[in-house]
Amino acid sequence: MKLILLLAVIVSATALDLPSNFKTCKKSDPKFLECLTDAVKDAVVSMAKGLKSFKILPIEPLAVDRIKIGSSEGSVSLKQEYRNVKIHGLTKNMRVYNYQIDWDNLIFRSESFNTQVDFIADYKLEGKVLLLPIRGEGKCNISMHDLRTKHETHYEKFEKDGDIYMRATKYTVKFSPNHVTLQFDNLFNGDSILGEQMHRFLNQNSDLIFKELEGPYEESFGLVFTKITNDIFTRVPMNKIFK
């Protein structure tokens, strides 16, 4: 499986302060992890409309130019390409919990819950699903309902202009949706009969099919979250984030 994800990269050479509405937490606080949990949730929600000072575009919806996934071996073998991707629901009705930090190795772990996340895009795919051939090109919507996500972020420290910063080197996510619905318009070049039959089959087996596809989707989200994280952490010194 090969994955290509196109994102804009912006680098800032000057140190910035956290936005005034971002909550900071003291490491000496006995309730530091509770404070950080609330701070992370508030920060994500506040970024729904973007952060002009950090040149971060809105994340509700979150826009990704293109995701390309090569076919894998298994019961679902699909070449997939998604363009003009819009990811809706990352900030709506979101909960963050179970925050843990390994300061020695700079590994941050947490879990989150979203009632629904929609992955909407222009798609092109071709391959097989449980031995059945499938092809199509058009609009798609992959919806994850009651989505629980495990986050694990690995950081490294670096120095710039006398200040110490953090940089995310790896951001992994693990999805556990309660249910998934799949909608691909214009399957089989618009053949309504074949398209309807395939949609019925896809959604009757959506959880199994998503299990086969979730690895590339998790990798895509991890790369997106890495960029958003670094848009902030590589611009604000550590001592301004963790007091």
C-alpha atoms as a PDB file:
ATOM      1  CA  MET A   1       0.000   0.000   0.000  1.00  0.00           C
ATOM      2  CA  LYS A   2       1.336   3.411  -0.972  1.00  0.00           C
ATOM      3  CA  LEU A   3      -0.195   6.650   0.263  1.00  0.00           C
ATOM      4  CA  ILE A   4       0.343  10.164  -1.056  1.00  0.00           C
ATOM      5  CA  LEU A   5      -1.074  13.130   0.853  1.00  0.00           C
ATOM      6  CA  LEU A   6      -0.740  16.699  -0.406  1.00  0.00           C
ATOM      7  CA  LEU A   7      -0.804  19.491   2.165  1.00  0.00           C
ATOM      8  CA  ALA A   8       0.373  23.067   2.193  1.00  0.00           C
ATOM      9  CA  VAL A   9       3.480  23.589   4.358  1.00  0.00           C
ATOM     10  CA  ILE A  10       4.072  26.915   6.051  1.00  0.00           C
ATOM     11  CA  VAL A  11       7.212  27.718   8.039  1.00  0.00           C
ATOM     12  CA  SER A  12       7.520  30.656  10.408  1.00  0.00           C
ATOM     13  CA  ALA A  13      10.930  32.016  11.383  1.00  0.00           C
ATOM     14  CA  THR A  14       9.767  34.094  14.329  1.00  0.00           C
ATOM     15  CA  ALA A  15       8.504  33.016  17.740  1.00  0.00           C
ATOM     16  CA  LEU A  16       4.823  33.594  18.462  1.00  0.00           C
ATOM     17  CA  ASP A  17       2.649  33.707  21.561  1.00  0.00           C
ATOM     18  CA  LEU A  18      -0.277  31.369  21.968  1.00  0.00           C
ATOM     19  CA  PRO A  19      -3.599  33.006  21.081  1.00  0.00           C
ATOM     20  CA  SER A  20      -5.018  34.753  24.125  1.00  0.00           C
ATOM     21  CA  ASN A  21      -7.995  32.380  24.269  1.00  0.00           C
ATOM     22  CA  PHE A  22      -5.742  29.296  24.463  1.00  0.00           C
ATOM     23  CA  LYS A  23      -5.517  27.866  27.950  1.00  0.00           C
ATOM     24  CA  THR A  24      -2.054  27.151  29.414  1.00  0.00           C
ATOM     25  CA  CYS A  25      -1.303  24.604  32.134  1.00  0.00           C
ATOM     26  CA  LYS A  26       1.339  24.464  34.853  1.00  0.00           C
ATOM     27  CA  LYS A  27       3.282  21.212  35.099  1.00  0.00           C
ATOM     28  CA  SER A  28       3.385  21.690  38.887  1.00  0.00           C
ATOM     29  CA  ASP A  29      -0.410  21.655  39.079  1.00  0.00           C
ATOM     30  CA  PRO A  30      -1.656  18.373  40.654  1.00  0.00           C
ATOM     31  CA  LYS A  31      -4.484  18.488  38.121  1.00  0.00           C
ATOM     32  CA  PHE A  32      -2.156  19.218  35.203  1.00  0.00           C
ATOM     33  CA  LEU A  33      -3.511  16.428  32.981  1.00  0.00           C
ATOM     34  CA  GLU A  34      -7.108  17.507  33.596  1.00  0.00           C
ATOM     35  CA  CYS A  35      -6.123  21.061  32.713  1.00  0.00           C
ATOM     36  CA  LEU A  36      -4.357  19.889  29.567  1.00  0.00           C
ATOM     37  CA  THR A  37      -7.353  17.794  28.512  1.00  0.00           C
ATOM     38  CA  ASP A  38      -9.601  20.859  28.697  1.00  0.00           C
ATOM     39  CA  ALA A  39      -6.969  23.032  27.007  1.00  0.00           C
ATOM     40  CA  VAL A  40      -6.596  20.679  24.044  1.00  0.00           C
ATOM     41  CA  LYS A  41     -10.351  20.439  23.521  1.00  0.00           C
ATOM     42  CA  ASP A  42     -10.769  24.210  23.727  1.00  0.00           C
ATOM     43  CA  ALA A  43      -7.859  24.745  21.305  1.00  0.00           C
ATOM     44  CA  VAL A  44      -9.299  22.360  18.719  1.00  0.00           C
ATOM     45  CA  VAL A  45     -12.744  23.953  18.940  1.00  0.00           C
ATOM     46  CA  SER A  46     -11.265  27.458  18.681  1.00  0.00           C
ATOM     47  CA  MET A  47      -9.422  26.437  15.501  1.00  0.00           C
ATOM     48  CA  ALA A  48     -12.688  25.580  13.780  1.00  0.00           C
ATOM     49  CA  LYS A  49     -12.533  28.937  11.981  1.00  0.00           C
ATOM     50  CA  GLY A  50      -8.752  28.929  11.657  1.00  0.00           C
ATOM     51  CA  LEU A  51      -5.976  30.970  13.293  1.00  0.00           C
ATOM     52  CA  LYS A  52      -4.878  33.942  11.226  1.00  0.00           C
ATOM     53  CA  SER A  53      -1.804  34.688  13.363  1.00  0.00           C
ATOM     54  CA  PHE A  54      -0.507  31.170  12.677  1.00  0.00           C
ATOM     55  CA  LYS A  55      -1.765  31.096   9.073  1.00  0.00           C
ATOM     56  CA  ILE A  56      -3.813  28.012   9.949  1.00  0.00           C
ATOM     57  CA  LEU A  57      -6.858  27.578   7.745  1.00  0.00           C
ATOM     58  CA  PRO A  58     -10.230  26.556   9.221  1.00  0.00           C
ATOM     59  CA  ILE A  59     -10.463  22.944  10.343  1.00  0.00           C
ATOM     60  CA  GLU A  60     -14.270  22.845  10.213  1.00  0.00           C
ATOM     61  CA  PRO A  61     -14.302  21.536   7.650  1.00  0.00           C
ATOM     62  CA  LEU A  62     -10.671  20.473   7.346  1.00  0.00           C
ATOM     63  CA  ALA A  63      -9.491  20.709   3.722  1.00  0.00           C
ATOM     64  CA  VAL A  64      -6.952  18.369   2.114  1.00  0.00           C
ATOM     65  CA  ASP A  65      -5.964  18.742  -1.543  1.00  0.00           C
ATOM     66  CA  ARG A  66      -5.457  15.114  -2.473  1.00  0.00           C
ATOM     67  CA  ILE A  67      -5.112  11.649  -0.985  1.00  0.00           C
ATOM     68  CA  LYS A  68      -3.936   8.788  -3.153  1.00  0.00           C
ATOM     69  CA  ILE A  69      -3.916   5.200  -1.888  1.00  0.00           C
ATOM     70  CA  GLY A  70      -2.416   2.329  -3.836  1.00  0.00           C
ATOM     71  CA  SER A  71      -4.115  -1.067  -3.829  1.00  0.00           C
ATOM     72  CA  SER A  72      -3.340  -3.408  -0.939  1.00  0.00           C
ATOM     73  CA  GLU A  73      -3.568  -7.148  -0.689  1.00  0.00           C
ATOM     74  CA  GLY A  74      -6.555  -8.545   1.149  1.00  0.00           C
ATOM     75  CA  SER A  75     -10.286  -8.957   0.833  1.00  0.00           C
ATOM     76  CA  VAL A  76     -10.518  -5.279  -0.170  1.00  0.00           C
ATOM     77  CA  SER A  77      -8.063  -4.314  -2.918  1.00  0.00           C
ATOM     78  CA  LEU A  78      -8.702  -0.825  -4.241  1.00  0.00           C
ATOM     79  CA  LYS A  79      -6.747   1.882  -5.986  1.00  0.00           C
ATOM     80  CA  GLN A  80      -8.214   5.053  -4.515  1.00  0.00           C
ATOM     81  CA  GLU A  81      -7.748   8.729  -5.254  1.00  0.00           C
ATOM     82  CA  TYR A  82      -9.561  11.511  -3.414  1.00  0.00           C
ATOM     83  CA  ARG A  83      -9.456  15.185  -4.391  1.00  0.00           C
ATOM     84  CA  ASN A  84     -10.939  18.333  -2.830  1.00  0.00           C
ATOM     85  CA  VAL A  85     -11.302  16.481   0.461  1.00  0.00           C
ATOM     86  CA  LYS A  86     -13.419  18.086   3.177  1.00  0.00           C
ATOM     87  CA  ILE A  87     -13.498  16.477   6.620  1.00  0.00           C
ATOM     88  CA  HIS A  88     -16.512  17.606   8.666  1.00  0.00           C
ATOM     89  CA  GLY A  89     -17.209  17.060  12.352  1.00  0.00           C
ATOM     90  CA  LEU A  90     -13.744  17.145  13.952  1.00  0.00           C
ATOM     91  CA  THR A  91     -14.699  19.972  16.314  1.00  0.00           C
ATOM     92  CA  LYS A  92     -18.420  19.337  16.808  1.00  0.00           C
ATOM     93  CA  ASN A  93     -19.577  17.594  19.997  1.00  0.00           C
ATOM     94  CA  MET A  94     -15.981  16.510  20.588  1.00  0.00           C
ATOM     95  CA  ARG A  95     -14.711  15.087  23.889  1.00  0.00           C
ATOM     96  CA  VAL A  96     -11.088  14.570  24.908  1.00  0.00           C
ATOM     97  CA  TYR A  97     -10.162  12.218  27.738  1.00  0.00           C
ATOM     98  CA  ASN A  98      -7.538   9.888  29.220  1.00  0.00           C
ATOM     99  CA  TYR A  99      -4.586  12.216  28.605  1.00  0.00           C
ATOM    100  CA  GLN A 100      -1.163  10.759  29.455  1.00  0.00           C
ATOM    101  CA  ILE A 101       2.342  12.164  28.987  1.00  0.00           C
ATOM    102  CA  ASP A 102       5.715  10.433  29.013  1.00  0.00           C
ATOM    103  CA  TRP A 103       7.970  13.450  29.561  1.00  0.00           C
ATOM    104  CA  ASP A 104      11.211  11.438  29.346  1.00  0.00           C
ATOM    105  CA  ASN A 105      10.432  10.298  25.806  1.00  0.00           C
ATOM    106  CA  LEU A 106       8.095  13.173  24.879  1.00  0.00           C
ATOM    107  CA  ILE A 107       5.184  10.904  23.981  1.00  0.00           C
ATOM    108  CA  PHE A 108       1.669  12.291  24.422  1.00  0.00           C
ATOM    109  CA  ARG A 109      -1.333   9.944  24.441  1.00  0.00           C
ATOM    110  CA  SER A 110      -5.035  10.737  24.567  1.00  0.00           C
ATOM    111  CA  GLU A 111      -8.446   9.609  23.362  1.00  0.00           C
ATOM    112  CA  SER A 112     -11.271  11.550  21.759  1.00  0.00           C
ATOM    113  CA  PHE A 113     -14.894  11.034  20.826  1.00  0.00           C
ATOM    114  CA  ASN A 114     -16.872  12.561  17.945  1.00  0.00           C
ATOM    115  CA  THR A 115     -20.518  11.837  17.278  1.00  0.00           C
ATOM    116  CA  GLN A 116     -19.918  11.842  13.518  1.00  0.00           C
ATOM    117  CA  VAL A 117     -17.034  12.582  11.158  1.00  0.00           C
ATOM    118  CA  ASP A 118     -17.743  12.871   7.423  1.00  0.00           C
ATOM    119  CA  PHE A 119     -15.046  12.410   4.789  1.00  0.00           C
ATOM    120  CA  ILE A 120     -16.437  14.096   1.652  1.00  0.00           C
ATOM    121  CA  ALA A 121     -14.466  14.241  -1.588  1.00  0.00           C
ATOM    122  CA  ASP A 122     -14.269  13.755  -5.325  1.00  0.00           C
ATOM    123  CA  TYR A 123     -13.226  10.137  -5.681  1.00  0.00           C
ATOM    124  CA  LYS A 124     -11.880   7.718  -8.251  1.00  0.00           C
ATOM    125  CA  LEU A 125     -11.481   4.051  -7.415  1.00  0.00           C
ATOM    126  CA  GLU A 126     -11.034   0.701  -9.069  1.00  0.00           C
ATOM    127  CA  GLY A 127     -10.465  -2.775  -7.722  1.00  0.00           C
ATOM    128  CA  LYS A 128     -12.250  -5.510  -5.832  1.00  0.00           C
ATOM    129  CA  VAL A 129     -14.303  -5.671  -2.646  1.00  0.00           C
ATOM    130  CA  LEU A 130     -14.660  -9.189  -1.251  1.00  0.00           C
ATOM    131  CA  LEU A 131     -13.971 -10.580  -4.760  1.00  0.00           C
ATOM    132  CA  LEU A 132     -16.575  -8.312  -6.397  1.00  0.00           C
ATOM    133  CA  PRO A 133     -15.223  -5.863  -8.997  1.00  0.00           C
ATOM    134  CA  ILE A 134     -15.917  -2.187  -8.346  1.00  0.00           C
ATOM    135  CA  ARG A 135     -15.069   1.019 -10.157  1.00  0.00           C
ATOM    136  CA  GLY A 136     -16.365   4.556 -10.172  1.00  0.00           C
ATOM    137  CA  GLU A 137     -15.634   8.264 -10.246  1.00  0.00           C
ATOM    138  CA  GLY A 138     -17.662  11.059  -8.672  1.00  0.00           C
ATOM    139  CA  LYS A 139     -18.636  12.332  -5.215  1.00  0.00           C
ATOM    140  CA  CYS A 140     -18.285  10.246  -2.066  1.00  0.00           C
ATOM    141  CA  ASN A 141     -19.088  10.459   1.628  1.00  0.00           C
ATOM    142  CA  ILE A 142     -17.532   8.094   4.161  1.00  0.00           C
ATOM    143  CA  SER A 143     -19.176   8.692   7.556  1.00  0.00           C
ATOM    144  CA  MET A 144     -17.834   7.393  10.865  1.00  0.00           C
ATOM    145  CA  HIS A 145     -20.511   7.399  13.566  1.00  0.00           C
ATOM    146  CA  ASP A 146     -19.788   7.568  17.312  1.00  0.00           C
ATOM    147  CA  LEU A 147     -16.089   7.672  16.565  1.00  0.00           C
ATOM    148  CA  ARG A 148     -13.581   6.905  19.293  1.00  0.00           C
ATOM    149  CA  THR A 149      -9.992   7.737  18.390  1.00  0.00           C
ATOM    150  CA  LYS A 150      -6.737   6.945  20.158  1.00  0.00           C
ATOM    151  CA  HIS A 151      -3.999   9.524  19.592  1.00  0.00           C
ATOM    152  CA  GLU A 152      -0.269   9.032  20.170  1.00  0.00           C
ATOM    153  CA  THR A 153       2.166  11.824  19.324  1.00  0.00           C
ATOM    154  CA  HIS A 154       5.955  11.565  19.475  1.00  0.00           C
ATOM    155  CA  TYR A 155       7.884  14.826  19.847  1.00  0.00           C
ATOM    156  CA  GLU A 156      11.473  15.967  19.779  1.00  0.00           C
ATOM    157  CA  LYS A 157      12.978  19.147  21.193  1.00  0.00           C
ATOM    158  CA  PHE A 158      14.910  21.642  19.121  1.00  0.00           C
ATOM    159  CA  GLU A 159      16.448  25.044  19.776  1.00  0.00           C
ATOM    160  CA  LYS A 160      15.825  28.188  17.778  1.00  0.00           C
ATOM    161  CA  ASP A 161      17.051  31.684  18.637  1.00  0.00           C
ATOM    162  CA  GLY A 162      17.802  30.590  22.188  1.00  0.00           C
ATOM    163  CA  ASP A 163      14.346  29.112  22.846  1.00  0.00           C
ATOM    164  CA  ILE A 164      13.382  25.431  23.145  1.00  0.00           C
ATOM    165  CA  TYR A 165      10.528  24.177  20.968  1.00  0.00           C
ATOM    166  CA  MET A 166       8.782  20.866  20.335  1.00  0.00           C
ATOM    167  CA  ARG A 167       8.292  19.209  16.966  1.00  0.00           C
ATOM    168  CA  ALA A 168       5.946  16.280  16.312  1.00  0.00           C
ATOM    169  CA  THR A 169       7.879  13.530  14.518  1.00  0.00           C
ATOM    170  CA  LYS A 170       5.066  10.981  14.436  1.00  0.00           C
ATOM    171  CA  TYR A 171       1.335  11.239  15.046  1.00  0.00           C
ATOM    172  CA  THR A 172      -0.607   7.992  14.982  1.00  0.00           C
ATOM    173  CA  VAL A 173      -4.356   7.609  15.284  1.00  0.00           C
ATOM    174  CA  LYS A 174      -6.466   4.498  15.733  1.00  0.00           C
ATOM    175  CA  PHE A 175     -10.131   4.704  14.758  1.00  0.00           C
ATOM    176  CA  SER A 176     -12.912   2.764  16.480  1.00  0.00           C
ATOM    177  CA  PRO A 177     -16.228   3.887  14.976  1.00  0.00           C
ATOM    178  CA  ASN A 178     -19.432   2.315  16.222  1.00  0.00           C
ATOM    179  CA  HIS A 179     -20.695   2.200  12.643  1.00  0.00           C
ATOM    180  CA  VAL A 180     -19.638   3.341   9.172  1.00  0.00           C
ATOM    181  CA  THR A 181     -21.769   4.337   6.186  1.00  0.00           C
ATOM    182  CA  LEU A 182     -20.367   4.503   2.648  1.00  0.00           C
ATOM    183  CA  GLN A 183     -21.751   6.523  -0.261  1.00  0.00           C
ATOM    184  CA  PHE A 184     -20.047   6.554  -3.684  1.00  0.00           C
ATOM    185  CA  ASP A 185     -21.998   8.322  -6.421  1.00  0.00           C
ATOM    186  CA  ASN A 186     -21.707   7.279 -10.068  1.00  0.00           C
ATOM    187  CA  LEU A 187     -20.404   3.759  -9.544  1.00  0.00           C
ATOM    188  CA  PHE A 188     -19.997   1.734 -12.740  1.00  0.00           C
ATOM    189  CA  ASN A 189     -20.237   4.880 -14.885  1.00  0.00           C
ATOM    190  CA  GLY A 190     -23.678   5.701 -13.512  1.00  0.00           C
ATOM    191  CA  ASP A 191     -25.270   2.282 -14.006  1.00  0.00           C
ATOM    192  CA  SER A 192     -28.116   2.697 -11.497  1.00  0.00           C
ATOM    193  CA  ILE A 193     -28.839  -1.018 -11.081  1.00  0.00           C
ATOM    194  CA  LEU A 194     -25.231  -2.074 -10.494  1.00  0.00           C
ATOM    195  CA  GLY A 195     -24.613   1.015  -8.380  1.00  0.00           C
ATOM    196  CA  GLU A 196     -27.623   0.366  -6.151  1.00  0.00           C
ATOM    197  CA  GLN A 197     -26.684  -3.285  -5.713  1.00  0.00           C
ATOM    198  CA  MET A 198     -23.099  -2.394  -4.841  1.00  0.00           C
ATOM    199  CA  HIS A 199     -24.194   0.284  -2.335  1.00  0.00           C
ATOM    200  CA  ARG A 200     -26.476  -2.194  -0.638  1.00  0.00           C
ATOM    201  CA  PHE A 201     -23.612  -4.672  -0.466  1.00  0.00           C
ATOM    202  CA  LEU A 202     -21.111  -2.040   0.751  1.00  0.00           C
ATOM    203  CA  ASN A 203     -23.302  -0.848   3.594  1.00  0.00           C
ATOM    204  CA  GLN A 204     -24.354  -4.338   4.628  1.00  0.00           C
ATOM    205  CA  ASN A 205     -20.647  -5.077   5.016  1.00  0.00           C
ATOM    206  CA  SER A 206     -19.423  -1.552   5.804  1.00  0.00           C
ATOM    207  CA  ASP A 207     -17.754  -2.346   9.131  1.00  0.00           C
ATOM    208  CA  LEU A 208     -15.785  -5.228   7.621  1.00  0.00           C
ATOM    209  CA  ILE A 209     -14.851  -3.178   4.559  1.00  0.00           C
ATOM    210  CA  PHE A 210     -13.759  -0.215   6.674  1.00  0.00           C
ATOM    211  CA  LYS A 211     -11.509  -2.502   8.725  1.00  0.00           C
ATOM    212  CA  GLU A 212      -9.639  -3.257   5.518  1.00  0.00           C
ATOM    213  CA  LEU A 213      -9.407   0.441   4.561  1.00  0.00           C
ATOM    214  CA  GLU A 214      -8.873   2.128   7.925  1.00  0.00           C
ATOM    215  CA  GLY A 215      -5.059   1.854   7.870  1.00  0.00           C
ATOM    216  CA  PRO A 216      -4.611   4.306   4.967  1.00  0.00           C
ATOM    217  CA  TYR A 217      -7.296   6.618   6.394  1.00  0.00           C
ATOM    218  CA  GLU A 218      -5.584   6.601   9.808  1.00  0.00           C
ATOM    219  CA  GLU A 219      -2.255   7.369   8.156  1.00  0.00           C
ATOM    220  CA  SER A 220      -3.850  10.255   6.246  1.00  0.00           C
ATOM    221  CA  PHE A 221      -5.363  11.760   9.392  1.00  0.00           C
ATOM    222  CA  GLY A 222      -2.063  11.290  11.241  1.00  0.00           C
ATOM    223  CA  LEU A 223      -0.212  13.319   8.612  1.00  0.00           C
ATOM    224  CA  VAL A 224      -2.847  16.056   8.717  1.00  0.00           C
ATOM    225  CA  PHE A 225      -2.752  16.220  12.526  1.00  0.00           C
ATOM    226  CA  THR A 226       1.063  16.292  12.467  1.00  0.00           C
ATOM    227  CA  LYS A 227       1.001  19.413  10.315  1.00  0.00           C
ATOM    228  CA  ILE A 228      -1.613  21.189  12.449  1.00  0.00           C
ATOM    229  CA  THR A 229       0.282  20.306  15.628  1.00  0.00           C
ATOM    230  CA  ASN A 230       3.573  21.585  14.220  1.00  0.00           C
ATOM    231  CA  ASP A 231       1.954  24.764  12.918  1.00  0.00           C
ATOM    232  CA  ILE A 232       1.641  25.698  16.601  1.00  0.00           C
ATOM    233  CA  PHE A 233       4.323  23.821  18.514  1.00  0.00           C
ATOM    234  CA  THR A 234       7.200  24.797  16.216  1.00  0.00           C
ATOM    235  CA  ARG A 235       6.264  28.461  16.529  1.00  0.00           C
ATOM    236  CA  VAL A 236       5.615  28.808  20.260  1.00  0.00           C
ATOM    237  CA  PRO A 237       8.433  28.040  22.744  1.00  0.00           C
ATOM    238  CA  MET A 238       7.742  25.214  25.198  1.00  0.00           C
ATOM    239  CA  ASN A 239       7.870  27.512  28.211  1.00  0.00           C
ATOM    240  CA  LYS A 240       4.971  29.515  26.787  1.00  0.00           C
ATOM    241  CA  ILE A 241       2.830  26.380  26.386  1.00  0.00           C
ATOM    242  CA  PHE A 242       3.718  24.497  29.558  1.00  0.00           C
ATOM    243  CA  LYS A 243       4.318  26.981  32.373  1.00  0.00           C
END
